[in-house]
PDB file of N, CA and C in Angstrom:
ATOM      1  N   GLN A   1      68.938  94.602 119.161  1.00  0.00           N
ATOM      2  CA  GLN A   1      67.498  94.487 119.389  1.00  0.00           C
ATOM      3  C   GLN A   1      66.715  95.412 118.459  1.00  0.00           C
ATOM      4  N   VAL A   2      67.118  96.676 118.386  1.00  0.00           N
ATOM      5  CA  VAL A   2      66.430  97.662 117.564  1.00  0.00           C
ATOM      6  C   VAL A   2      66.975  97.603 116.144  1.00  0.00           C
ATOM      7  N   GLU A   3      66.083  97.469 115.163  1.00  0.00           N
ATOM      8  CA  GLU A   3      66.520  97.281 113.789  1.00  0.00           C
ATOM      9  C   GLU A   3      65.472  97.806 112.823  1.00  0.00           C
ATOM     10  N   LEU A   4      65.945  98.366 111.698  1.00  0.00           N
ATOM     11  CA  LEU A   4      65.118  98.740 110.562  1.00  0.00           C
ATOM     12  C   LEU A   4      65.673  98.041 109.330  1.00  0.00           C
ATOM     13  N   VAL A   5      64.801  97.440 108.540  1.00  0.00           N
ATOM     14  CA  VAL A   5      65.215  96.709 107.349  1.00  0.00           C
ATOM     15  C   VAL A   5      64.372  97.173 106.171  1.00  0.00           C
ATOM     16  N   GLU A   6      65.040  97.740 105.147  1.00  0.00           N
ATOM     17  CA  GLU A   6      64.359  98.212 103.952  1.00  0.00           C
ATOM     18  C   GLU A   6      64.308  97.115 102.893  1.00  0.00           C
ATOM     19  N   SER A   7      63.294  97.216 102.031  1.00  0.00           N
ATOM     20  CA  SER A   7      63.168  96.310 100.900  1.00  0.00           C
ATOM     21  C   SER A   7      62.387  97.008  99.796  1.00  0.00           C
ATOM     22  N   GLY A   8      62.418  96.448  98.596  1.00  0.00           N
ATOM     23  CA  GLY A   8      61.612  96.940  97.496  1.00  0.00           C
ATOM     24  C   GLY A   8      62.355  97.695  96.416  1.00  0.00           C
ATOM     25  N   GLY A   9      63.639  97.937  96.580  1.00  0.00           N
ATOM     26  CA  GLY A   9      64.398  98.637  95.565  1.00  0.00           C
ATOM     27  C   GLY A   9      64.621  97.783  94.330  1.00  0.00           C
ATOM     28  N   GLY A  10      65.138  98.428  93.279  1.00  0.00           N
ATOM     29  CA  GLY A  10      65.396  97.727  92.041  1.00  0.00           C
ATOM     30  C   GLY A  10      65.624  98.680  90.895  1.00  0.00           C
ATOM     31  N   LEU A  11      65.612  98.133  89.683  1.00  0.00           N
ATOM     32  CA  LEU A  11      65.800  98.896  88.451  1.00  0.00           C
ATOM     33  C   LEU A  11      64.439  99.185  87.831  1.00  0.00           C
ATOM     34  N   VAL A  12      64.201 100.445  87.484  1.00  0.00           N
ATOM     35  CA  VAL A  12      62.935 100.859  86.899  1.00  0.00           C
ATOM     36  C   VAL A  12      63.200 101.906  85.823  1.00  0.00           C
ATOM     37  N   GLN A  13      62.348 101.936  84.793  1.00  0.00           N
ATOM     38  CA  GLN A  13      62.479 102.925  83.730  1.00  0.00           C
ATOM     39  C   GLN A  13      61.919 104.273  84.165  1.00  0.00           C
ATOM     40  N   PRO A  14      62.391 105.364  83.564  1.00  0.00           N
ATOM     41  CA  PRO A  14      61.792 106.667  83.861  1.00  0.00           C
ATOM     42  C   PRO A  14      60.288 106.641  83.660  1.00  0.00           C
ATOM     43  N   GLY A  15      59.572 107.264  84.583  1.00  0.00           N
ATOM     44  CA  GLY A  15      58.121 107.240  84.578  1.00  0.00           C
ATOM     45  C   GLY A  15      57.510 106.083  85.331  1.00  0.00           C
ATOM     46  N   GLY A  16      58.317 105.129  85.731  1.00  0.00           N
ATOM     47  CA  GLY A  16      57.828 103.966  86.446  1.00  0.00           C
ATOM     48  C   GLY A  16      57.642 104.223  87.925  1.00  0.00           C
ATOM     49  N   SER A  17      57.274 103.159  88.646  1.00  0.00           N
ATOM     50  CA  SER A  17      56.955 103.251  90.064  1.00  0.00           C
ATOM     51  C   SER A  17      57.622 102.126  90.841  1.00  0.00           C
ATOM     52  N   LEU A  18      57.893 102.402  92.103  1.00  0.00           N
ATOM     53  CA  LEU A  18      58.360 101.413  93.064  1.00  0.00           C
ATOM     54  C   LEU A  18      57.720 101.699  94.406  1.00  0.00           C
ATOM     55  N   ARG A  19      57.559 100.653  95.211  1.00  0.00           N
ATOM     56  CA  ARG A  19      57.066 100.785  96.569  1.00  0.00           C
ATOM     57  C   ARG A  19      58.093 100.178  97.516  1.00  0.00           C
ATOM     58  N   LEU A  20      58.678 101.012  98.359  1.00  0.00           N
ATOM     59  CA  LEU A  20      59.657 100.577  99.335  1.00  0.00           C
ATOM     60  C   LEU A  20      58.978 100.300 100.670  1.00  0.00           C
ATOM     61  N   ALA A  21      59.540  99.381 101.431  1.00  0.00           N
ATOM     62  CA  ALA A  21      59.045  99.066 102.761  1.00  0.00           C
ATOM     63  C   ALA A  21      60.192  99.121 103.762  1.00  0.00           C
ATOM     64  N   CYS A  22      59.878  99.514 104.980  1.00  0.00           N
ATOM     65  CA  CYS A  22      60.835  99.569 106.084  1.00  0.00           C
ATOM     66  C   CYS A  22      60.190  98.889 107.281  1.00  0.00           C
ATOM     67  N   LYS A  23      60.688  97.718 107.611  1.00  0.00           N
ATOM     68  CA  LYS A  23      60.148  96.945 108.724  1.00  0.00           C
ATOM     69  C   LYS A  23      60.965  97.192 109.984  1.00  0.00           C
ATOM     70  N   ALA A  24      60.295  97.604 111.055  1.00  0.00           N
ATOM     71  CA  ALA A  24      60.938  97.882 112.331  1.00  0.00           C
ATOM     72  C   ALA A  24      60.794  96.703 113.279  1.00  0.00           C
ATOM     73  N   SER A  25      61.822  96.486 114.076  1.00  0.00           N
ATOM     74  CA  SER A  25      61.767  95.500 115.137  1.00  0.00           C
ATOM     75  C   SER A  25      62.497  96.044 116.362  1.00  0.00           C
ATOM     76  N   GLY A  26      62.117  95.576 117.537  1.00  0.00           N
ATOM     77  CA  GLY A  26      62.743  96.014 118.771  1.00  0.00           C
ATOM     78  C   GLY A  26      62.124  97.247 119.398  1.00  0.00           C
ATOM     79  N   PHE A  27      61.167  97.864 118.740  1.00  0.00           N
ATOM     80  CA  PHE A  27      60.427  98.989 119.307  1.00  0.00           C
ATOM     81  C   PHE A  27      59.072  99.076 118.633  1.00  0.00           C
ATOM     82  N   ASP A  28      58.169  99.784 119.274  1.00  0.00           N
ATOM     83  CA  ASP A  28      56.816  99.937 118.768  1.00  0.00           C
ATOM     84  C   ASP A  28      56.776 101.159 117.867  1.00  0.00           C
ATOM     85  N   LEU A  29      56.582 100.937 116.586  1.00  0.00           N
ATOM     86  CA  LEU A  29      56.641 102.007 115.601  1.00  0.00           C
ATOM     87  C   LEU A  29      55.616 103.104 115.860  1.00  0.00           C
ATOM     88  N   LYS A  30      54.501 102.778 116.429  1.00  0.00           N
ATOM     89  CA  LYS A  30      53.378 103.707 116.507  1.00  0.00           C
ATOM     90  C   LYS A  30      53.650 104.943 117.344  1.00  0.00           C
ATOM     91  N   PHE A  31      54.703 104.931 118.168  1.00  0.00           N
ATOM     92  CA  PHE A  31      55.016 106.074 119.015  1.00  0.00           C
ATOM     93  C   PHE A  31      55.954 107.085 118.362  1.00  0.00           C
ATOM     94  N   TYR A  32      56.441 106.829 117.139  1.00  0.00           N
ATOM     95  CA  TYR A  32      57.534 107.606 116.585  1.00  0.00           C
ATOM     96  C   TYR A  32      57.223 108.185 115.222  1.00  0.00           C
ATOM     97  N   SER A  33      57.788 109.368 114.969  1.00  0.00           N
ATOM     98  CA  SER A  33      57.888 109.883 113.613  1.00  0.00           C
ATOM     99  C   SER A  33      58.958 109.101 112.859  1.00  0.00           C
ATOM    100  N   MET A  34      58.745 108.934 111.557  1.00  0.00           N
ATOM    101  CA  MET A  34      59.682 108.200 110.729  1.00  0.00           C
ATOM    102  C   MET A  34      60.023 109.012 109.489  1.00  0.00           C
ATOM    103  N   ARG A  35      61.225 108.777 108.972  1.00  0.00           N
ATOM    104  CA  ARG A  35      61.677 109.466 107.771  1.00  0.00           C
ATOM    105  C   ARG A  35      62.284 108.493 106.779  1.00  0.00           C
ATOM    106  N   TRP A  36      62.156 108.842 105.505  1.00  0.00           N
ATOM    107  CA  TRP A  36      62.930 108.241 104.431  1.00  0.00           C
ATOM    108  C   TRP A  36      63.974 109.246 103.968  1.00  0.00           C
ATOM    109  N   HIS A  37      65.183 108.744 103.691  1.00  0.00           N
ATOM    110  CA  HIS A  37      66.275 109.527 103.126  1.00  0.00           C
ATOM    111  C   HIS A  37      66.819 108.816 101.898  1.00  0.00           C
ATOM    112  N   ARG A  38      67.597 109.538 101.106  1.00  0.00           N
ATOM    113  CA  ARG A  38      68.283 108.914  99.982  1.00  0.00           C
ATOM    114  C   ARG A  38      69.666 109.538  99.819  1.00  0.00           C
ATOM    115  N   GLN A  39      70.571 108.758  99.229  1.00  0.00           N
ATOM    116  CA  GLN A  39      71.918 109.228  98.948  1.00  0.00           C
ATOM    117  C   GLN A  39      72.275 108.844  97.516  1.00  0.00           C
ATOM    118  N   PRO A  40      72.220 109.812  96.584  1.00  0.00           N
ATOM    119  CA  PRO A  40      72.647 109.530  95.217  1.00  0.00           C
ATOM    120  C   PRO A  40      74.150 109.282  95.166  1.00  0.00           C
ATOM    121  N   PRO A  41      74.635 108.622  94.126  1.00  0.00           N
ATOM    122  CA  PRO A  41      76.079 108.386  94.018  1.00  0.00           C
ATOM    123  C   PRO A  41      76.846 109.700  93.965  1.00  0.00           C
ATOM    124  N   GLY A  42      77.863 109.820  94.799  1.00  0.00           N
ATOM    125  CA  GLY A  42      78.682 111.010  94.841  1.00  0.00           C
ATOM    126  C   GLY A  42      78.050 112.213  95.506  1.00  0.00           C
ATOM    127  N   LYS A  43      76.873 112.049  96.106  1.00  0.00           N
ATOM    128  CA  LYS A  43      76.168 113.151  96.742  1.00  0.00           C
ATOM    129  C   LYS A  43      75.965 112.868  98.225  1.00  0.00           C
ATOM    130  N   GLU A  44      75.592 113.915  98.967  1.00  0.00           N
ATOM    131  CA  GLU A  44      75.273 113.757 100.376  1.00  0.00           C
ATOM    132  C   GLU A  44      73.852 113.247 100.552  1.00  0.00           C
ATOM    133  N   ARG A  45      73.598 112.658 101.696  1.00  0.00           N
ATOM    134  CA  ARG A  45      72.276 112.138 101.999  1.00  0.00           C
ATOM    135  C   ARG A  45      71.279 113.274 102.189  1.00  0.00           C
ATOM    136  N   GLU A  46      70.054 113.073 101.714  1.00  0.00           N
ATOM    137  CA  GLU A  46      68.994 114.058 101.845  1.00  0.00           C
ATOM    138  C   GLU A  46      67.706 113.350 102.251  1.00  0.00           C
ATOM    139  N   TRP A  47      66.869 114.038 103.002  1.00  0.00           N
ATOM    140  CA  TRP A  47      65.587 113.453 103.375  1.00  0.00           C
ATOM    141  C   TRP A  47      64.570 113.665 102.265  1.00  0.00           C
ATOM    142  N   VAL A  48      63.671 112.727 102.111  1.00  0.00           N
ATOM    143  CA  VAL A  48      62.675 112.805 101.054  1.00  0.00           C
ATOM    144  C   VAL A  48      61.242 112.646 101.554  1.00  0.00           C
ATOM    145  N   ALA A  49      61.049 112.228 102.796  1.00  0.00           N
ATOM    146  CA  ALA A  49      59.687 112.071 103.303  1.00  0.00           C
ATOM    147  C   ALA A  49      59.702 111.951 104.817  1.00  0.00           C
ATOM    148  N   HIS A  50      58.654 112.470 105.442  1.00  0.00           N
ATOM    149  CA  HIS A  50      58.501 112.454 106.894  1.00  0.00           C
ATOM    150  C   HIS A  50      57.052 112.149 107.221  1.00  0.00           C
ATOM    151  N   ILE A  51      56.840 111.333 108.255  1.00  0.00           N
ATOM    152  CA  ILE A  51      55.488 111.033 108.701  1.00  0.00           C
ATOM    153  C   ILE A  51      55.459 111.016 110.220  1.00  0.00           C
ATOM    154  N   GLY A  52      54.429 111.621 110.795  1.00  0.00           N
ATOM    155  CA  GLY A  52      54.276 111.656 112.237  1.00  0.00           C
ATOM    156  C   GLY A  52      53.586 110.422 112.775  1.00  0.00           C
ATOM    157  N   PRO A  53      53.550 110.280 114.105  1.00  0.00           N
ATOM    158  CA  PRO A  53      52.767 109.190 114.705  1.00  0.00           C
ATOM    159  C   PRO A  53      51.306 109.237 114.252  1.00  0.00           C
ATOM    160  N   ASP A  54      50.792 110.444 114.094  1.00  0.00           N
ATOM    161  CA  ASP A  54      49.525 110.628 113.405  1.00  0.00           C
ATOM    162  C   ASP A  54      49.792 110.512 111.912  1.00  0.00           C
ATOM    163  N   ARG A  55      49.335 109.486 111.281  1.00  0.00           N
ATOM    164  CA  ARG A  55      49.678 109.185 109.889  1.00  0.00           C
ATOM    165  C   ARG A  55      49.216 110.257 108.907  1.00  0.00           C
ATOM    166  N   THR A  56      48.336 111.166 109.351  1.00  0.00           N
ATOM    167  CA  THR A  56      47.879 112.222 108.468  1.00  0.00           C
ATOM    168  C   THR A  56      48.882 113.357 108.326  1.00  0.00           C
ATOM    169  N   TYR A  57      49.896 113.410 109.180  1.00  0.00           N
ATOM    170  CA  TYR A  57      50.909 114.456 109.099  1.00  0.00           C
ATOM    171  C   TYR A  57      52.093 113.948 108.291  1.00  0.00           C
ATOM    172  N   THR A  58      52.258 114.486 107.079  1.00  0.00           N
ATOM    173  CA  THR A  58      53.359 114.118 106.205  1.00  0.00           C
ATOM    174  C   THR A  58      53.995 115.371 105.628  1.00  0.00           C
ATOM    175  N   VAL A  59      55.308 115.297 105.361  1.00  0.00           N
ATOM    176  CA  VAL A  59      56.067 116.421 104.825  1.00  0.00           C
ATOM    177  C   VAL A  59      57.030 115.892 103.773  1.00  0.00           C
ATOM    178  N   TYR A  60      57.192 116.659 102.676  1.00  0.00           N
ATOM    179  CA  TYR A  60      58.089 116.289 101.589  1.00  0.00           C
ATOM    180  C   TYR A  60      58.854 117.509 101.106  1.00  0.00           C
ATOM    181  N   PRO A  61      60.080 117.330 100.639  1.00  0.00           N
ATOM    182  CA  PRO A  61      60.766 118.428  99.958  1.00  0.00           C
ATOM    183  C   PRO A  61      60.202 118.616  98.555  1.00  0.00           C
ATOM    184  N   ASP A  62      60.473 119.778  97.975  1.00  0.00           N
ATOM    185  CA  ASP A  62      59.941 120.079  96.656  1.00  0.00           C
ATOM    186  C   ASP A  62      60.406 119.091  95.592  1.00  0.00           C
ATOM    187  N   SER A  63      61.565 118.491  95.775  1.00  0.00           N
ATOM    188  CA  SER A  63      62.122 117.604  94.772  1.00  0.00           C
ATOM    189  C   SER A  63      61.263 116.364  94.522  1.00  0.00           C
ATOM    190  N   VAL A  64      60.472 115.953  95.511  1.00  0.00           N
ATOM    191  CA  VAL A  64      59.660 114.747  95.356  1.00  0.00           C
ATOM    192  C   VAL A  64      58.180 114.989  95.592  1.00  0.00           C
ATOM    193  N   LYS A  65      57.806 116.182  95.994  1.00  0.00           N
ATOM    194  CA  LYS A  65      56.412 116.477  96.313  1.00  0.00           C
ATOM    195  C   LYS A  65      55.517 116.201  95.112  1.00  0.00           C
ATOM    196  N   GLY A  66      54.437 115.493  95.354  1.00  0.00           N
ATOM    197  CA  GLY A  66      53.516 115.120  94.298  1.00  0.00           C
ATOM    198  C   GLY A  66      53.847 113.816  93.612  1.00  0.00           C
ATOM    199  N   ARG A  67      55.044 113.283  93.825  1.00  0.00           N
ATOM    200  CA  ARG A  67      55.465 112.018  93.232  1.00  0.00           C
ATOM    201  C   ARG A  67      55.645 110.907  94.262  1.00  0.00           C
ATOM    202  N   PHE A  68      56.096 111.250  95.462  1.00  0.00           N
ATOM    203  CA  PHE A  68      56.332 110.269  96.518  1.00  0.00           C
ATOM    204  C   PHE A  68      55.252 110.388  97.592  1.00  0.00           C
ATOM    205  N   THR A  69      54.895 109.256  98.185  1.00  0.00           N
ATOM    206  CA  THR A  69      53.919 109.225  99.256  1.00  0.00           C
ATOM    207  C   THR A  69      54.423 108.308 100.365  1.00  0.00           C
ATOM    208  N   ILE A  70      54.545 108.844 101.579  1.00  0.00           N
ATOM    209  CA  ILE A  70      54.937 108.044 102.730  1.00  0.00           C
ATOM    210  C   ILE A  70      53.675 107.617 103.476  1.00  0.00           C
ATOM    211  N   SER A  71      53.683 106.408 103.992  1.00  0.00           N
ATOM    212  CA  SER A  71      52.558 105.901 104.761  1.00  0.00           C
ATOM    213  C   SER A  71      53.075 104.929 105.813  1.00  0.00           C
ATOM    214  N   ARG A  72      52.189 104.530 106.710  1.00  0.00           N
ATOM    215  CA  ARG A  72      52.599 103.604 107.764  1.00  0.00           C
ATOM    216  C   ARG A  72      51.474 102.645 108.092  1.00  0.00           C
ATOM    217  N   ASP A  73      51.858 101.449 108.493  1.00  0.00           N
ATOM    218  CA  ASP A  73      50.939 100.443 108.982  1.00  0.00           C
ATOM    219  C   ASP A  73      51.481  99.996 110.330  1.00  0.00           C
ATOM    220  N   ASP A  74      50.989 100.608 111.393  1.00  0.00           N
ATOM    221  CA  ASP A  74      51.550 100.356 112.719  1.00  0.00           C
ATOM    222  C   ASP A  74      51.278  98.938 113.203  1.00  0.00           C
ATOM    223  N   ARG A  75      50.198  98.328 112.734  1.00  0.00           N
ATOM    224  CA  ARG A  75      49.931  96.943 113.115  1.00  0.00           C
ATOM    225  C   ARG A  75      50.979  95.996 112.548  1.00  0.00           C
ATOM    226  N   LYS A  76      51.582  96.364 111.418  1.00  0.00           N
ATOM    227  CA  LYS A  76      52.665  95.592 110.820  1.00  0.00           C
ATOM    228  C   LYS A  76      54.042  96.142 111.168  1.00  0.00           C
ATOM    229  N   ASN A  77      54.096  97.228 111.948  1.00  0.00           N
ATOM    230  CA  ASN A  77      55.353  97.869 112.325  1.00  0.00           C
ATOM    231  C   ASN A  77      56.188  98.227 111.095  1.00  0.00           C
ATOM    232  N   THR A  78      55.524  98.768 110.075  1.00  0.00           N
ATOM    233  CA  THR A  78      56.162  99.023 108.793  1.00  0.00           C
ATOM    234  C   THR A  78      55.782 100.403 108.265  1.00  0.00           C
ATOM    235  N   VAL A  79      56.763 101.094 107.689  1.00  0.00           N
ATOM    236  CA  VAL A  79      56.542 102.347 106.982  1.00  0.00           C
ATOM    237  C   VAL A  79      56.876 102.123 105.507  1.00  0.00           C
ATOM    238  N   TYR A  80      56.138 102.787 104.620  1.00  0.00           N
ATOM    239  CA  TYR A  80      56.274 102.592 103.185  1.00  0.00           C
ATOM    240  C   TYR A  80      56.617 103.903 102.492  1.00  0.00           C
ATOM    241  N   LEU A  81      57.204 103.774 101.306  1.00  0.00           N
ATOM    242  CA  LEU A  81      57.414 104.913 100.426  1.00  0.00           C
ATOM    243  C   LEU A  81      56.979 104.514  99.024  1.00  0.00           C
ATOM    244  N   GLN A  82      55.855 105.060  98.587  1.00  0.00           N
ATOM    245  CA  GLN A  82      55.380 104.863  97.226  1.00  0.00           C
ATOM    246  C   GLN A  82      56.023 105.920  96.343  1.00  0.00           C
ATOM    247  N   MET A  83      56.714 105.483  95.290  1.00  0.00           N
ATOM    248  CA  MET A  83      57.468 106.358  94.409  1.00  0.00           C
ATOM    249  C   MET A  83      56.893 106.236  92.999  1.00  0.00           C
ATOM    250  N   ASP A  84      56.305 107.319  92.504  1.00  0.00           N
ATOM    251  CA  ASP A  84      55.687 107.351  91.180  1.00  0.00           C
ATOM    252  C   ASP A  84      56.407 108.353  90.288  1.00  0.00           C
ATOM    253  N   ASN A  85      56.237 108.186  88.972  1.00  0.00           N
ATOM    254  CA  ASN A  85      56.842 109.091  87.992  1.00  0.00           C
ATOM    255  C   ASN A  85      58.332 109.283  88.255  1.00  0.00           C
ATOM    256  N   LEU A  86      59.013 108.179  88.414  1.00  0.00           N
ATOM    257  CA  LEU A  86      60.428 108.224  88.771  1.00  0.00           C
ATOM    258  C   LEU A  86      61.274 108.824  87.653  1.00  0.00           C
ATOM    259  N   GLU A  87      62.317 109.521  88.062  1.00  0.00           N
ATOM    260  CA  GLU A  87      63.239 110.203  87.169  1.00  0.00           C
ATOM    261  C   GLU A  87      64.649 109.676  87.401  1.00  0.00           C
ATOM    262  N   PRO A  88      65.543 109.814  86.407  1.00  0.00           N
ATOM    263  CA  PRO A  88      66.925 109.368  86.622  1.00  0.00           C
ATOM    264  C   PRO A  88      67.570 110.000  87.851  1.00  0.00           C
ATOM    265  N   GLY A  89      67.214 111.239  88.178  1.00  0.00           N
ATOM    266  CA  GLY A  89      67.747 111.898  89.359  1.00  0.00           C
ATOM    267  C   GLY A  89      67.322 111.274  90.671  1.00  0.00           C
ATOM    268  N   ASP A  90      66.344 110.373  90.646  1.00  0.00           N
ATOM    269  CA  ASP A  90      65.923 109.668  91.851  1.00  0.00           C
ATOM    270  C   ASP A  90      66.825 108.483  92.178  1.00  0.00           C
ATOM    271  N   THR A  91      67.757 108.157  91.298  1.00  0.00           N
ATOM    272  CA  THR A  91      68.671 107.046  91.541  1.00  0.00           C
ATOM    273  C   THR A  91      69.478 107.300  92.804  1.00  0.00           C
ATOM    274  N   ALA A  92      69.405 106.368  93.755  1.00  0.00           N
ATOM    275  CA  ALA A  92      70.056 106.550  95.048  1.00  0.00           C
ATOM    276  C   ALA A  92      69.857 105.302  95.890  1.00  0.00           C
ATOM    277  N   VAL A  93      70.587 105.248  96.998  1.00  0.00           N
ATOM    278  CA  VAL A  93      70.308 104.291  98.054  1.00  0.00           C
ATOM    279  C   VAL A  93      69.308 104.934  99.006  1.00  0.00           C
ATOM    280  N   TYR A  94      68.190 104.270  99.224  1.00  0.00           N
ATOM    281  CA  TYR A  94      67.117 104.789 100.069  1.00  0.00           C
ATOM    282  C   TYR A  94      67.143 104.090 101.421  1.00  0.00           C
ATOM    283  N   SER A  95      67.095 104.891 102.494  1.00  0.00           N
ATOM    284  CA  SER A  95      67.164 104.374 103.854  1.00  0.00           C
ATOM    285  C   SER A  95      66.045 104.971 104.693  1.00  0.00           C
ATOM    286  N   CYS A  96      65.584 104.223 105.673  1.00  0.00           N
ATOM    287  CA  CYS A  96      64.615 104.757 106.622  1.00  0.00           C
ATOM    288  C   CYS A  96      65.285 105.021 107.963  1.00  0.00           C
ATOM    289  N   ASN A  97      64.662 105.899 108.754  1.00  0.00           N
ATOM    290  CA  ASN A  97      65.245 106.390 109.999  1.00  0.00           C
ATOM    291  C   ASN A  97      64.143 106.686 110.991  1.00  0.00           C
ATOM    292  N   ARG A  98      64.349 106.296 112.241  1.00  0.00           N
ATOM    293  CA  ARG A  98      63.473 106.757 113.309  1.00  0.00           C
ATOM    294  C   ARG A  98      63.862 108.182 113.640  1.00  0.00           C
ATOM    295  N   TYR A  99      62.950 109.112 113.401  1.00  0.00           N
ATOM    296  CA  TYR A  99      63.261 110.525 113.469  1.00  0.00           C
ATOM    297  C   TYR A  99      63.837 110.912 114.817  1.00  0.00           C
ATOM    298  N   GLY A 100      64.918 111.712 114.791  1.00  0.00           N
ATOM    299  CA  GLY A 100      65.564 112.178 115.999  1.00  0.00           C
ATOM    300  C   GLY A 100      66.476 111.163 116.643  1.00  0.00           C
ATOM    301  N   SER A 101      66.743 110.064 115.967  1.00  0.00           N
ATOM    302  CA  SER A 101      67.575 109.001 116.504  1.00  0.00           C
ATOM    303  C   SER A 101      68.687 108.646 115.529  1.00  0.00           C
ATOM    304  N   SER A 102      69.594 107.803 115.984  1.00  0.00           N
ATOM    305  CA  SER A 102      70.652 107.265 115.132  1.00  0.00           C
ATOM    306  C   SER A 102      70.308 105.866 114.628  1.00  0.00           C
ATOM    307  N   ILE A 103      69.040 105.536 114.603  1.00  0.00           N
ATOM    308  CA  ILE A 103      68.579 104.228 114.153  1.00  0.00           C
ATOM    309  C   ILE A 103      68.264 104.300 112.671  1.00  0.00           C
ATOM    310  N   TRP A 104      69.018 103.546 111.877  1.00  0.00           N
ATOM    311  CA  TRP A 104      68.907 103.530 110.421  1.00  0.00           C
ATOM    312  C   TRP A 104      68.830 102.108 109.907  1.00  0.00           C
ATOM    313  N   GLY A 105      68.176 101.956 108.763  1.00  0.00           N
ATOM    314  CA  GLY A 105      68.258 100.702 108.051  1.00  0.00           C
ATOM    315  C   GLY A 105      69.514 100.647 107.202  1.00  0.00           C
ATOM    316  N   GLN A 106      69.737  99.506 106.568  1.00  0.00           N
ATOM    317  CA  GLN A 106      70.940  99.300 105.759  1.00  0.00           C
ATOM    318  C   GLN A 106      70.823  99.933 104.372  1.00  0.00           C
ATOM    319  N   GLY A 107      69.628 100.253 103.936  1.00  0.00           N
ATOM    320  CA  GLY A 107      69.406 100.879 102.650  1.00  0.00           C
ATOM    321  C   GLY A 107      69.044  99.892 101.561  1.00  0.00           C
ATOM    322  N   THR A 108      68.316 100.396 100.558  1.00  0.00           N
ATOM    323  CA  THR A 108      67.966  99.606  99.385  1.00  0.00           C
ATOM    324  C   THR A 108      68.203 100.454  98.135  1.00  0.00           C
ATOM    325  N   GLN A 109      68.801  99.855  97.109  1.00  0.00           N
ATOM    326  CA  GLN A 109      69.203 100.581  95.910  1.00  0.00           C
ATOM    327  C   GLN A 109      68.030 100.767  94.967  1.00  0.00           C
ATOM    328  N   VAL A 110      67.837 102.000  94.512  1.00  0.00           N
ATOM    329  CA  VAL A 110      66.868 102.332  93.476  1.00  0.00           C
ATOM    330  C   VAL A 110      67.634 102.914  92.295  1.00  0.00           C
ATOM    331  N   THR A 111      67.460 102.315  91.124  1.00  0.00           N
ATOM    332  CA  THR A 111      68.110 102.790  89.910  1.00  0.00           C
ATOM    333  C   THR A 111      67.048 103.078  88.864  1.00  0.00           C
ATOM    334  N   VAL A 112      67.030 104.304  88.359  1.00  0.00           N
ATOM    335  CA  VAL A 112      66.062 104.732  87.347  1.00  0.00           C
ATOM    336  C   VAL A 112      66.832 104.981  86.058  1.00  0.00           C
ATOM    337  N   SER A 113      66.597 104.142  85.070  1.00  0.00           N
ATOM    338  CA  SER A 113      67.357 104.217  83.825  1.00  0.00           C
ATOM    339  C   SER A 113      66.579 103.544  82.712  1.00  0.00           C
ATOM    340  N   SER A 114      66.715 104.084  81.497  1.00  0.00           N
ATOM    341  CA  SER A 114      66.111 103.471  80.333  1.00  0.00           C
ATOM    342  C   SER A 114      67.072 102.527  79.633  1.00  0.00           C
TER     343      SER A 114
END
């Protein structure tokens, strides 16, 4: 019943942009904090963005601060990750998560390469 599905990944050149989407079903997104994470090849998973039920509360690690923007559209039950000025180090599988839960999407691949 409860599901998260990511979309929007792909191949992009350094300096380019992508917009990822995470569509939730089986629960009302508006009551929950949400997070985006990524897992580069051969590395452990790390979080890259957090947003509260109040959409004005957002948090980012230094590695992506100023380049990534998390947002939400509760009427569409969807959270987004706008990724600008992408670098090769951003290459990873990106997944969304309902914060504090074991609910994850399947992930979407982002590859940054010239």
